[in-house]
Amino acid sequence: MSLVVHGTVAPLDPADPQAFFAGRVYLDDNGRVGGVTAEGEPAPPGFGDAVEVDVGGAFIYPGLIDLHSHIGYATLPLWTEPSQVTPFRHHNDWTDEPTYKHDITWPSYLISKGAPEALLVYAQVRALAGGTTAIQGWPSRNRNPVNQLIRSVDDEDVGTGNRNLLRTSTLTLDDDELANRADHLADGEGFIYHCAEGRPDSVVTREFEDLATTNCLRQKLIAIHLNAIGADGFRRWDERARLSGDPGPGTVVWSVFSNLWLYGTTTDVAAARQHNVTTCIGTDWGPSGTKNLLGELKVARLWSDHAGLGLTSFELAEMVTSLPGDALARCWNVQTGRLTTGALGDVAVIAVRVPDPWDNLVAAREEDVVLVIVDGQPRFGTKALMDGCGVTRTTSVGIGSHRRRIPLVDPADPQRRWYWSRVLENLETVRKDPAGAMDDGLAAAAAVRTLAPGQATEADPLVLDLDMPGPGGVRAGPPPDAASVVIPKAPSLRHDRTWRASLRGRGFHEGLLDGISRFYT
């Protein structure tokens, strides 16, 4: 269906990126932006029969893009190792800690095997509650979930049928594998790579050196973290990319909360920007990250003020919209992250707290997100707006004291509606009977093991294979005694009082992250 959204538009059009105005965004039948007009301007052709929804004075933004997450761990709370008294050195350090398997590896494995459909719905709704329309970091799977509500950056084909427009790796690759990625980069594909995550000058800086020696420092490289390298590394990236014939370097994804929580320091954003490296923001994961990009924006504001970076609210807003959108557009050959004609029809509508749209985005809370549209389809919103868009077969989700509606179908029978309460019940079943969940998951995996790649259908059980950052190719694996695993209850979808209280006296941020509470009081 075609849809027209009427309100205050902040499109981030390259011609005037900070402009905002009363107007309309037109979304066509193909899930693309058919046009954007200011109040009083004529509609583009072809929208005479379109459904129009008026969001009042709310701001209409491009959908937010999260370029770094691990959504398979979304149901886990923040984690710390009780015996650790100094910041971790790098990403191979904390995976060996005594509580890591008990608190992260084993619970996440059991949830992914026992309730895979529910897990992916929960993770997507948590992201939608923050205005996110595309997210990187989906677990490997034999098929797509029945309910795919937001874009998977990892295997989005933007209608081409080619799911290798971007290749990703969570685990560290050797030189031969990186050389293969360099060939793909030279052929025009993108490459998202976790790299040099740790304190400055720690041993993981060699991961960046390996990128350099294998000629991976190109414009279509999207490097996650890089908090172990300094200005010289970003300068070299710029130089190497231009020597390879690219117009400039690629993109770094900044997960400021997770970096501060684990290492007490974070990416040298000032150096990255100085050397023309595009800087975006990502949430990382439940055990050491924020719940969605609205939370991460607030932490980025805290760090910018603390470190004297001087980042404006507009510059922060760019890091979750137009900048990741431009990075993806280089690989997808379709614009996203901007509301311009022909761009992907992904929209976030957020109520007004303050009159400036960029200050408003940084200040926004989950209850302010009133409508989210992905590929031209309303996926999350108030009942009034979802009804106004013509989406009536929905289920109600609690966002604190507020309610939002999402369209879900039952994985067992896609002709039937699925309810949010059933999603939570599935997760709770695993929590109460982890051994049964492991048995069910292993049986499902065995049932599809004989299928050739691409043969799985919605009738086959969904099987997930979680990534697990750590040394030696570590991945989430089965616990030796599933019945003894303690699985935490799925937390709320917002940065609530409980989550904020869990920051105090934990992690290695020296109290800086406690300041996020001021955005919620």
Protein backbone atom coordinates (compact mmCIF):
# COMPACT_ATOMS: atom_id res chain seq x y z
CA MET A 1 0.00 0.00 0.00
CA SER A 2 1.07 3.60 -0.47
CA LEU A 3 1.15 5.77 2.63
CA VAL A 4 1.50 9.49 3.36
CA VAL A 5 2.83 10.66 6.73
CA HIS A 6 1.95 14.25 7.66
CA GLY A 7 3.82 16.13 10.38
CA THR A 8 7.11 17.99 10.93
CA VAL A 9 9.63 16.47 8.55
CA ALA A 10 13.38 16.33 9.33
CA PRO A 11 14.54 14.52 6.16
CA LEU A 12 18.34 15.07 6.31
CA ASP A 13 18.32 15.91 2.63
CA PRO A 14 21.95 16.46 1.48
CA ALA A 15 20.92 19.78 -0.09
CA ASP A 16 20.04 21.19 3.35
CA PRO A 17 20.56 18.46 5.97
CA GLN A 18 19.53 20.50 9.02
CA ALA A 19 16.27 21.75 7.50
CA PHE A 20 12.93 20.76 9.02
CA PHE A 21 9.44 21.85 8.06
CA ALA A 22 5.75 21.03 8.22
CA GLY A 23 5.08 18.67 5.38
CA ARG A 24 4.53 15.13 4.13
CA VAL A 25 6.55 12.03 3.38
CA TYR A 26 5.16 9.85 0.58
CA LEU A 27 5.86 6.11 0.70
CA ASP A 28 5.03 4.14 -2.43
CA ASP A 29 3.81 0.58 -2.98
CA ASN A 30 7.41 -0.64 -3.39
CA GLY A 31 8.49 0.53 0.05
CA ARG A 32 10.45 3.51 -1.25
CA VAL A 33 10.16 7.24 -0.61
CA GLY A 34 8.08 8.61 -3.46
CA GLY A 35 8.64 12.23 -2.47
CA VAL A 36 8.82 14.74 0.36
CA THR A 37 6.89 18.01 0.25
CA ALA A 38 6.57 21.07 2.45
CA GLU A 39 3.11 22.24 3.50
CA GLY A 40 1.20 23.62 0.51
CA GLU A 41 3.35 21.96 -2.14
CA PRO A 42 1.65 19.58 -4.58
CA ALA A 43 1.82 15.85 -4.00
CA PRO A 44 3.96 13.72 -6.31
CA PRO A 45 1.96 11.76 -8.90
CA GLY A 46 0.51 8.39 -8.01
CA PHE A 47 -0.64 9.08 -4.45
CA GLY A 48 -4.26 10.03 -5.07
CA ASP A 49 -5.55 6.91 -3.29
CA ALA A 50 -2.86 6.73 -0.63
CA VAL A 51 -3.72 6.39 3.06
CA GLU A 52 -2.69 9.55 4.91
CA VAL A 53 -1.86 9.57 8.60
CA ASP A 54 -1.40 12.82 10.52
CA VAL A 55 1.12 12.61 13.38
CA GLY A 56 0.39 16.14 14.56
CA GLY A 57 3.47 18.11 15.51
CA ALA A 58 5.66 15.03 15.97
CA PHE A 59 8.98 14.91 14.11
CA ILE A 60 9.27 12.59 11.13
CA TYR A 61 12.87 11.30 10.90
CA PRO A 62 14.55 8.71 8.73
CA GLY A 63 14.51 5.38 10.55
CA LEU A 64 17.46 4.94 12.90
CA ILE A 65 20.22 2.53 11.80
CA ASP A 66 22.13 0.47 14.36
CA LEU A 67 25.38 -0.68 12.71
CA HIS A 68 26.57 -2.80 15.62
CA SER A 69 24.57 -5.16 17.78
CA HIS A 70 24.33 -8.83 18.71
CA ILE A 71 20.58 -9.29 18.88
CA GLY A 72 20.78 -12.90 20.02
CA TYR A 73 21.78 -11.62 23.48
CA ALA A 74 19.04 -9.01 23.81
CA THR A 75 17.30 -10.76 26.71
CA LEU A 76 20.37 -10.66 28.97
CA PRO A 77 21.03 -7.97 31.61
CA LEU A 78 24.23 -5.99 32.04
CA TRP A 79 27.13 -8.18 33.10
CA THR A 80 30.21 -7.62 35.22
CA GLU A 81 32.84 -10.01 36.50
CA PRO A 82 32.91 -9.64 40.32
CA SER A 83 36.60 -10.52 40.56
CA GLN A 84 37.72 -7.91 38.02
CA VAL A 85 38.97 -4.70 39.65
CA THR A 86 40.69 -3.01 36.69
CA PRO A 87 39.43 -2.38 33.15
CA PHE A 88 39.75 -5.25 30.73
CA ARG A 89 42.56 -4.93 28.18
CA HIS A 90 40.78 -6.20 25.07
CA HIS A 91 38.02 -8.43 23.73
CA ASN A 92 39.96 -11.66 24.36
CA ASP A 93 40.31 -10.79 28.04
CA TRP A 94 36.81 -10.89 29.49
CA THR A 95 35.59 -14.06 27.73
CA ASP A 96 37.87 -16.13 29.98
CA GLU A 97 36.37 -14.79 33.21
CA PRO A 98 34.79 -17.24 35.68
CA THR A 99 31.20 -15.99 35.36
CA TYR A 100 31.16 -15.44 31.60
CA LYS A 101 29.84 -18.85 30.54
CA HIS A 102 27.38 -19.01 33.43
CA ASP A 103 25.96 -15.52 32.85
CA ILE A 104 26.20 -15.13 29.07
CA THR A 105 27.22 -18.14 26.98
CA TRP A 106 24.96 -20.79 28.46
CA PRO A 107 21.78 -18.72 29.01
CA SER A 108 21.99 -17.23 25.52
CA TYR A 109 22.54 -20.65 23.97
CA LEU A 110 19.48 -22.12 25.69
CA ILE A 111 17.22 -19.19 24.80
CA SER A 112 18.32 -19.27 21.17
CA LYS A 113 17.62 -23.02 20.94
CA GLY A 114 14.46 -23.15 23.01
CA ALA A 115 12.64 -20.02 21.82
CA PRO A 116 14.31 -18.75 18.63
CA GLU A 117 11.24 -17.08 17.12
CA ALA A 118 10.38 -15.36 20.40
CA LEU A 119 13.98 -14.25 20.92
CA LEU A 120 14.17 -12.53 17.54
CA VAL A 121 10.77 -10.86 18.03
CA TYR A 122 11.84 -9.58 21.45
CA ALA A 123 15.12 -8.20 20.07
CA GLN A 124 13.40 -6.49 17.16
CA VAL A 125 10.71 -4.92 19.33
CA ARG A 126 13.38 -3.62 21.71
CA ALA A 127 15.05 -1.95 18.72
CA LEU A 128 11.75 -0.62 17.32
CA ALA A 129 10.99 0.93 20.72
CA GLY A 130 14.05 3.12 20.07
CA GLY A 131 13.04 4.07 16.51
CA THR A 132 15.41 1.58 14.85
CA THR A 133 14.49 0.32 11.38
CA ALA A 134 17.70 -1.54 10.43
CA ILE A 135 20.14 -3.40 12.67
CA GLN A 136 23.40 -5.25 12.16
CA GLY A 137 24.25 -8.34 14.18
CA TRP A 138 21.65 -11.01 13.45
CA PRO A 139 22.58 -14.57 14.41
CA SER A 140 23.25 -17.09 11.67
CA ARG A 141 20.03 -18.97 10.89
CA ASN A 142 18.71 -21.63 8.54
CA ARG A 143 15.87 -19.32 7.46
CA ASN A 144 14.41 -15.93 8.22
CA PRO A 145 12.11 -15.68 11.25
CA VAL A 146 8.39 -15.73 10.55
CA ASN A 147 8.18 -12.20 11.98
CA GLN A 148 10.86 -10.04 10.36
CA LEU A 149 9.94 -6.55 11.53
CA ILE A 150 13.15 -4.63 10.78
CA ARG A 151 15.94 -4.88 8.23
CA SER A 152 18.86 -7.20 8.77
CA VAL A 153 21.90 -5.21 7.65
CA ASP A 154 23.87 -8.47 7.48
CA ASP A 155 21.91 -9.97 4.60
CA GLU A 156 19.66 -7.26 3.16
CA ASP A 157 19.39 -7.63 -0.61
CA VAL A 158 17.35 -4.42 -1.31
CA GLY A 159 15.43 -6.33 -3.95
CA THR A 160 18.46 -7.59 -5.87
CA GLY A 161 18.33 -11.20 -4.67
CA ASN A 162 22.01 -10.86 -3.69
CA ARG A 163 22.46 -11.24 0.07
CA ASN A 164 26.22 -10.73 -0.15
CA LEU A 165 26.16 -6.99 -0.77
CA LEU A 166 27.77 -6.83 2.67
CA ARG A 167 29.85 -9.53 4.35
CA THR A 168 30.32 -9.57 8.10
CA SER A 169 32.59 -11.18 10.66
CA THR A 170 32.39 -11.01 14.44
CA LEU A 171 35.38 -13.29 14.93
CA THR A 172 38.95 -12.30 14.08
CA LEU A 173 40.06 -13.54 10.63
CA ASP A 174 43.50 -14.69 9.53
CA ASP A 175 45.42 -13.09 6.67
CA ASP A 176 44.14 -15.51 4.02
CA GLU A 177 40.55 -14.83 4.99
CA LEU A 178 41.17 -11.08 5.07
CA ALA A 179 42.78 -11.23 1.64
CA ASN A 180 39.60 -12.88 0.40
CA ARG A 181 37.57 -10.04 1.92
CA ALA A 182 39.91 -7.55 0.22
CA ASP A 183 39.03 -9.15 -3.12
CA HIS A 184 35.34 -8.71 -2.37
CA LEU A 185 35.93 -5.09 -1.36
CA ALA A 186 37.71 -4.52 -4.67
CA ASP A 187 34.67 -6.02 -6.42
CA GLY A 188 32.36 -3.50 -4.73
CA GLU A 189 31.02 -5.47 -1.78
CA GLY A 190 31.04 -4.11 1.76
CA PHE A 191 32.74 -5.67 4.78
CA ILE A 192 31.66 -5.23 8.40
CA TYR A 193 34.40 -6.35 10.79
CA HIS A 194 34.87 -6.33 14.57
CA CYS A 195 38.39 -5.05 15.01
CA ALA A 196 40.86 -3.67 17.57
CA GLU A 197 38.39 -3.72 20.45
CA GLY A 198 40.24 -2.86 23.63
CA ARG A 199 42.42 -0.33 25.35
CA PRO A 200 44.82 1.80 23.29
CA ASP A 201 48.00 0.03 22.21
CA SER A 202 46.87 -3.37 23.52
CA VAL A 203 47.64 -6.53 21.57
CA VAL A 204 44.48 -6.26 19.45
CA THR A 205 45.94 -3.34 17.52
CA ARG A 206 47.50 -6.05 15.34
CA GLU A 207 44.02 -6.77 14.01
CA PHE A 208 44.05 -3.33 12.44
CA GLU A 209 47.56 -3.93 11.13
CA ASP A 210 46.29 -7.10 9.47
CA LEU A 211 43.61 -5.07 7.70
CA ALA A 212 46.32 -2.77 6.40
CA THR A 213 48.65 -5.52 5.17
CA THR A 214 45.82 -7.34 3.37
CA ASN A 215 44.57 -4.16 1.67
CA CYS A 216 41.22 -4.07 3.48
CA LEU A 217 41.48 -0.39 4.43
CA ARG A 218 38.95 0.66 1.81
CA GLN A 219 35.92 2.94 1.71
CA LYS A 220 33.42 0.06 1.95
CA LEU A 221 35.01 -1.30 5.12
CA ILE A 222 32.81 -0.76 8.17
CA ALA A 223 35.05 -1.38 11.19
CA ILE A 224 33.40 -1.92 14.56
CA HIS A 225 35.09 -0.41 17.66
CA LEU A 226 38.74 0.43 16.73
CA ASN A 227 39.08 1.85 20.25
CA ALA A 228 42.58 0.35 20.53
CA ILE A 229 44.03 2.48 17.72
CA GLY A 230 44.94 6.14 17.67
CA ALA A 231 45.09 9.01 15.22
CA ASP A 232 47.88 7.41 13.20
CA GLY A 233 45.66 4.43 12.38
CA PHE A 234 42.82 6.60 11.13
CA ARG A 235 45.28 8.66 9.08
CA ARG A 236 46.66 5.50 7.48
CA TRP A 237 43.15 4.33 6.63
CA ASP A 238 42.51 7.58 4.79
CA GLU A 239 45.82 7.32 2.92
CA ARG A 240 45.46 3.62 2.03
CA ALA A 241 41.90 4.02 0.76
CA ARG A 242 42.87 6.90 -1.51
CA LEU A 243 45.92 5.01 -2.80
CA SER A 244 43.55 2.17 -3.70
CA GLY A 245 41.46 4.57 -5.77
CA ASP A 246 38.66 5.21 -3.29
CA PRO A 247 37.45 8.77 -2.67
CA GLY A 248 38.12 8.37 1.05
CA PRO A 249 38.19 5.95 4.00
CA GLY A 250 35.27 3.95 5.31
CA THR A 251 33.23 3.85 8.49
CA VAL A 252 33.90 3.21 12.18
CA VAL A 253 31.07 2.16 14.48
CA TRP A 254 31.26 3.68 17.95
CA SER A 255 29.71 1.71 20.84
CA VAL A 256 30.54 4.15 23.59
CA PHE A 257 28.59 2.53 26.44
CA SER A 258 30.07 -0.93 25.89
CA ASN A 259 33.60 0.45 25.50
CA LEU A 260 33.39 2.42 28.75
CA TRP A 261 31.69 -0.44 30.60
CA LEU A 262 34.43 -2.95 29.72
CA TYR A 263 37.58 -0.92 29.04
CA GLY A 264 37.11 2.49 30.65
CA THR A 265 37.90 4.20 27.35
CA THR A 266 36.40 4.43 23.89
CA THR A 267 37.00 5.12 20.20
CA ASP A 268 39.02 8.23 19.36
CA VAL A 269 36.10 9.83 17.57
CA ALA A 270 37.89 13.18 17.18
CA ALA A 271 40.78 11.50 15.33
CA ALA A 272 38.42 9.45 13.17
CA ARG A 273 36.51 12.55 12.10
CA GLN A 274 39.73 14.52 11.58
CA HIS A 275 40.90 11.89 9.09
CA ASN A 276 37.59 11.69 7.21
CA VAL A 277 36.45 8.35 8.66
CA THR A 278 32.66 8.28 8.82
CA THR A 279 31.56 7.78 12.43
CA CYS A 280 28.34 5.97 13.33
CA ILE A 281 26.85 4.67 16.57
CA GLY A 282 25.94 1.10 17.56
CA THR A 283 24.43 -0.40 20.70
CA ASP A 284 26.57 -3.60 20.94
CA TRP A 285 24.57 -6.04 23.13
CA GLY A 286 22.67 -6.64 26.33
CA PRO A 287 25.62 -7.69 28.56
CA SER A 288 27.52 -4.43 28.00
CA GLY A 289 25.36 -2.10 25.95
CA THR A 290 22.32 0.11 25.83
CA LYS A 291 18.90 -1.20 24.86
CA ASN A 292 18.52 0.88 21.71
CA LEU A 293 19.97 3.85 19.87
CA LEU A 294 18.05 6.40 21.94
CA GLY A 295 20.04 5.22 24.96
CA GLU A 296 23.32 5.18 23.05
CA LEU A 297 22.76 8.76 21.84
CA LYS A 298 22.52 9.92 25.44
CA VAL A 299 25.75 8.16 26.38
CA ALA A 300 27.46 9.69 23.36
CA ARG A 301 26.30 13.12 24.57
CA LEU A 302 27.71 12.41 28.04
CA TRP A 303 31.07 11.32 26.62
CA SER A 304 31.25 14.22 24.18
CA ASP A 305 30.71 16.69 27.01
CA HIS A 306 33.17 14.86 29.29
CA ALA A 307 35.92 14.53 26.67
CA GLY A 308 35.41 17.98 25.14
CA LEU A 309 34.51 16.61 21.69
CA GLY A 310 31.99 19.38 21.11
CA LEU A 311 29.60 17.15 19.16
CA THR A 312 26.33 18.91 18.41
CA SER A 313 22.97 17.19 18.63
CA PHE A 314 22.75 17.35 14.85
CA GLU A 315 26.11 15.60 14.50
CA LEU A 316 24.95 12.88 16.90
CA ALA A 317 21.69 12.53 14.99
CA GLU A 318 23.65 12.04 11.76
CA MET A 319 25.52 9.14 13.38
CA VAL A 320 22.31 7.09 13.66
CA THR A 321 20.62 8.18 10.41
CA SER A 322 22.32 9.72 7.39
CA LEU A 323 25.91 8.63 8.05
CA PRO A 324 25.20 4.90 8.47
CA GLY A 325 22.70 5.30 5.64
CA ASP A 326 25.38 6.69 3.35
CA ALA A 327 27.78 3.89 4.34
CA LEU A 328 25.17 1.27 3.48
CA ALA A 329 24.17 3.05 0.28
CA ARG A 330 27.72 2.61 -1.01
CA CYS A 331 27.15 -1.15 -0.82
CA TRP A 332 23.42 -1.37 -1.53
CA ASN A 333 23.29 1.25 -4.29
CA VAL A 334 20.07 2.50 -2.69
CA GLN A 335 19.91 5.46 -0.34
CA THR A 336 18.80 4.89 3.24
CA GLY A 337 19.03 7.02 6.38
CA ARG A 338 17.62 10.02 4.49
CA LEU A 339 14.06 10.82 3.43
CA THR A 340 14.78 11.59 -0.22
CA THR A 341 13.01 10.43 -3.37
CA GLY A 342 13.94 6.82 -4.17
CA ALA A 343 15.34 6.08 -0.70
CA LEU A 344 14.23 3.09 1.34
CA GLY A 345 10.92 3.85 3.01
CA ASP A 346 12.10 3.61 6.63
CA VAL A 347 10.68 6.22 9.01
CA ALA A 348 10.72 6.97 12.74
CA VAL A 349 8.12 9.36 14.17
CA ILE A 350 8.99 10.79 17.56
CA ALA A 351 6.92 13.10 19.76
CA VAL A 352 8.22 16.55 20.64
CA ARG A 353 10.04 17.14 23.91
CA VAL A 354 12.03 20.17 22.75
CA PRO A 355 11.47 22.28 19.62
CA ASP A 356 14.79 21.58 17.89
CA PRO A 357 14.56 18.22 16.07
CA TRP A 358 18.15 17.21 16.80
CA ASP A 359 18.03 18.09 20.50
CA ASN A 360 14.70 16.28 20.52
CA LEU A 361 16.18 13.08 19.10
CA VAL A 362 18.93 13.01 21.73
CA ALA A 363 16.39 13.71 24.50
CA ALA A 364 13.77 11.22 23.27
CA ARG A 365 12.67 8.29 25.39
CA GLU A 366 11.03 5.06 24.31
CA GLU A 367 7.56 6.36 25.16
CA ASP A 368 8.10 9.21 22.68
CA VAL A 369 8.40 6.84 19.69
CA VAL A 370 4.86 6.92 18.28
CA LEU A 371 5.28 5.28 14.85
CA VAL A 372 7.98 3.26 13.08
CA ILE A 373 7.72 2.29 9.41
CA VAL A 374 10.02 -0.23 7.70
CA ASP A 375 9.99 -0.72 3.93
CA GLY A 376 6.85 1.39 3.75
CA GLN A 377 5.04 -0.87 6.24
CA PRO A 378 3.99 0.33 9.72
CA ARG A 379 5.67 -1.96 12.25
CA PHE A 380 5.28 -0.22 15.62
CA GLY A 381 3.14 2.61 16.92
CA THR A 382 0.30 3.91 19.01
CA LYS A 383 -3.05 2.25 18.42
CA ALA A 384 -4.46 5.42 16.89
CA LEU A 385 -1.62 5.76 14.37
CA MET A 386 -1.47 2.07 13.51
CA ASP A 387 -5.25 2.06 12.99
CA GLY A 388 -4.90 5.23 10.94
CA CYS A 389 -2.36 3.47 8.73
CA GLY A 390 -4.84 0.64 8.22
CA VAL A 391 -2.93 -1.91 10.33
CA THR A 392 -5.49 -3.46 12.66
CA ARG A 393 -4.31 -7.07 13.26
CA THR A 394 -1.83 -6.13 15.95
CA THR A 395 -0.86 -7.03 19.49
CA SER A 396 -0.22 -4.66 22.37
CA VAL A 397 3.24 -4.17 23.88
CA GLY A 398 3.95 -2.38 27.15
CA ILE A 399 6.50 0.44 27.05
CA GLY A 400 6.48 1.44 30.70
CA SER A 401 2.98 2.79 31.36
CA HIS A 402 2.40 3.29 27.63
CA ARG A 403 1.13 0.83 25.06
CA ARG A 404 2.27 0.31 21.49
CA ARG A 405 0.97 -1.99 18.77
CA ILE A 406 2.95 -4.35 16.53
CA PRO A 407 1.82 -6.79 13.81
CA LEU A 408 2.79 -10.39 14.65
CA VAL A 409 1.79 -13.70 13.10
CA ASP A 410 1.94 -17.05 14.85
CA PRO A 411 5.04 -19.03 13.77
CA ALA A 412 2.97 -22.22 14.06
CA ASP A 413 0.26 -20.83 11.78
CA PRO A 414 1.08 -17.59 9.92
CA GLN A 415 -2.63 -17.12 9.16
CA ARG A 416 -3.22 -16.43 12.84
CA ARG A 417 -2.24 -13.45 14.95
CA TRP A 418 0.48 -13.92 17.56
CA TYR A 419 0.40 -12.04 20.85
CA TRP A 420 3.19 -10.31 22.75
CA SER A 421 2.14 -12.22 25.85
CA ARG A 422 2.91 -15.46 24.00
CA VAL A 423 6.37 -14.17 23.06
CA LEU A 424 7.14 -13.51 26.70
CA GLU A 425 5.64 -16.86 27.71
CA ASN A 426 7.95 -18.67 25.30
CA LEU A 427 10.97 -16.95 26.82
CA GLU A 428 9.71 -17.71 30.30
CA THR A 429 9.25 -21.39 29.44
CA VAL A 430 12.95 -21.64 28.60
CA ARG A 431 13.85 -19.85 31.82
CA LYS A 432 11.82 -22.32 33.89
CA ASP A 433 12.88 -25.46 32.02
CA PRO A 434 16.33 -24.90 30.48
CA ALA A 435 17.00 -28.64 30.09
CA GLY A 436 13.79 -29.10 28.12
CA ALA A 437 14.71 -26.11 25.98
CA MET A 438 18.05 -27.67 25.12
CA ASP A 439 16.43 -30.97 24.19
CA ASP A 440 13.88 -29.20 21.97
CA GLY A 441 16.58 -27.07 20.35
CA LEU A 442 18.88 -29.96 19.61
CA ALA A 443 15.97 -31.93 18.15
CA ALA A 444 15.09 -29.00 15.89
CA ALA A 445 18.69 -28.68 14.75
CA ALA A 446 18.82 -32.40 13.96
CA ALA A 447 15.61 -32.14 11.97
CA VAL A 448 17.02 -29.54 9.58
CA ARG A 449 20.63 -30.69 9.48
CA THR A 450 20.02 -32.73 6.33
CA LEU A 451 18.58 -29.80 4.41
CA ALA A 452 20.80 -28.25 1.76
CA PRO A 453 21.42 -24.50 2.13
CA GLY A 454 18.39 -22.50 1.05
CA GLN A 455 15.95 -25.40 1.37
CA ALA A 456 14.54 -24.41 4.74
CA THR A 457 11.03 -22.97 4.69
CA GLU A 458 8.70 -21.52 7.33
CA ALA A 459 7.46 -25.07 7.91
CA ASP A 460 10.92 -26.07 9.16
CA PRO A 461 12.00 -25.22 12.71
CA LEU A 462 14.07 -22.07 13.03
CA VAL A 463 17.63 -22.85 14.12
CA LEU A 464 19.97 -20.08 15.31
CA ASP A 465 23.75 -20.19 15.64
CA LEU A 466 24.84 -17.33 17.86
CA ASP A 467 28.07 -15.48 17.33
CA MET A 468 30.25 -15.28 20.43
CA PRO A 469 33.10 -12.78 20.52
CA GLY A 470 36.15 -14.35 22.06
CA PRO A 471 39.48 -16.03 21.41
CA GLY A 472 39.98 -19.08 19.26
CA GLY A 473 36.71 -18.88 17.33
CA VAL A 474 34.60 -19.33 20.45
CA ARG A 475 30.86 -19.54 19.88
CA ALA A 476 27.93 -20.04 22.20
CA GLY A 477 27.76 -23.72 23.02
CA PRO A 478 25.69 -26.10 25.12
CA PRO A 479 26.25 -26.13 28.89
CA PRO A 480 27.41 -29.39 30.44
CA ASP A 481 24.33 -29.40 32.69
CA ALA A 482 21.47 -27.34 31.26
CA ALA A 483 19.25 -27.88 34.30
CA SER A 484 21.72 -25.97 36.49
CA VAL A 485 21.82 -22.85 34.29
CA VAL A 486 20.16 -19.78 35.76
CA ILE A 487 18.44 -17.79 33.01
CA PRO A 488 17.42 -14.24 33.92
CA LYS A 489 13.91 -13.00 33.28
CA ALA A 490 13.60 -10.94 30.10
CA PRO A 491 14.05 -7.28 31.11
CA SER A 492 11.86 -4.37 30.06
CA LEU A 493 12.19 -2.77 26.63
CA ARG A 494 13.21 0.62 27.97
CA HIS A 495 16.00 2.24 29.95
CA ASP A 496 13.93 2.04 33.08
CA ARG A 497 14.79 2.73 36.69
CA THR A 498 15.93 -0.86 37.26
CA TRP A 499 18.37 -0.75 34.35
CA ARG A 500 19.70 2.66 35.35
CA ALA A 501 20.18 1.54 38.95
CA SER A 502 22.25 -1.42 37.72
CA LEU A 503 24.91 1.00 36.41
CA ARG A 504 25.94 2.35 39.78
CA GLY A 505 29.16 0.94 41.15
CA ARG A 506 29.61 -1.45 38.22
CA GLY A 507 31.72 -1.31 35.07
CA PHE A 508 34.79 0.86 34.49
CA HIS A 509 33.24 4.21 33.50
CA GLU A 510 34.15 5.97 36.77
CA GLY A 511 30.55 7.01 37.29
CA LEU A 512 30.16 8.73 33.91
CA LEU A 513 27.37 6.42 32.77
CA ASP A 514 25.37 7.18 35.91
CA GLY A 515 24.66 10.51 34.23
CA ILE A 516 22.23 8.88 31.82
CA SER A 517 19.61 9.16 34.57
CA ARG A 518 19.36 12.91 34.04
CA PHE A 519 17.76 12.26 30.65
CA TYR A 520 14.95 10.31 32.31
CA THR A 521 14.02 12.58 35.21
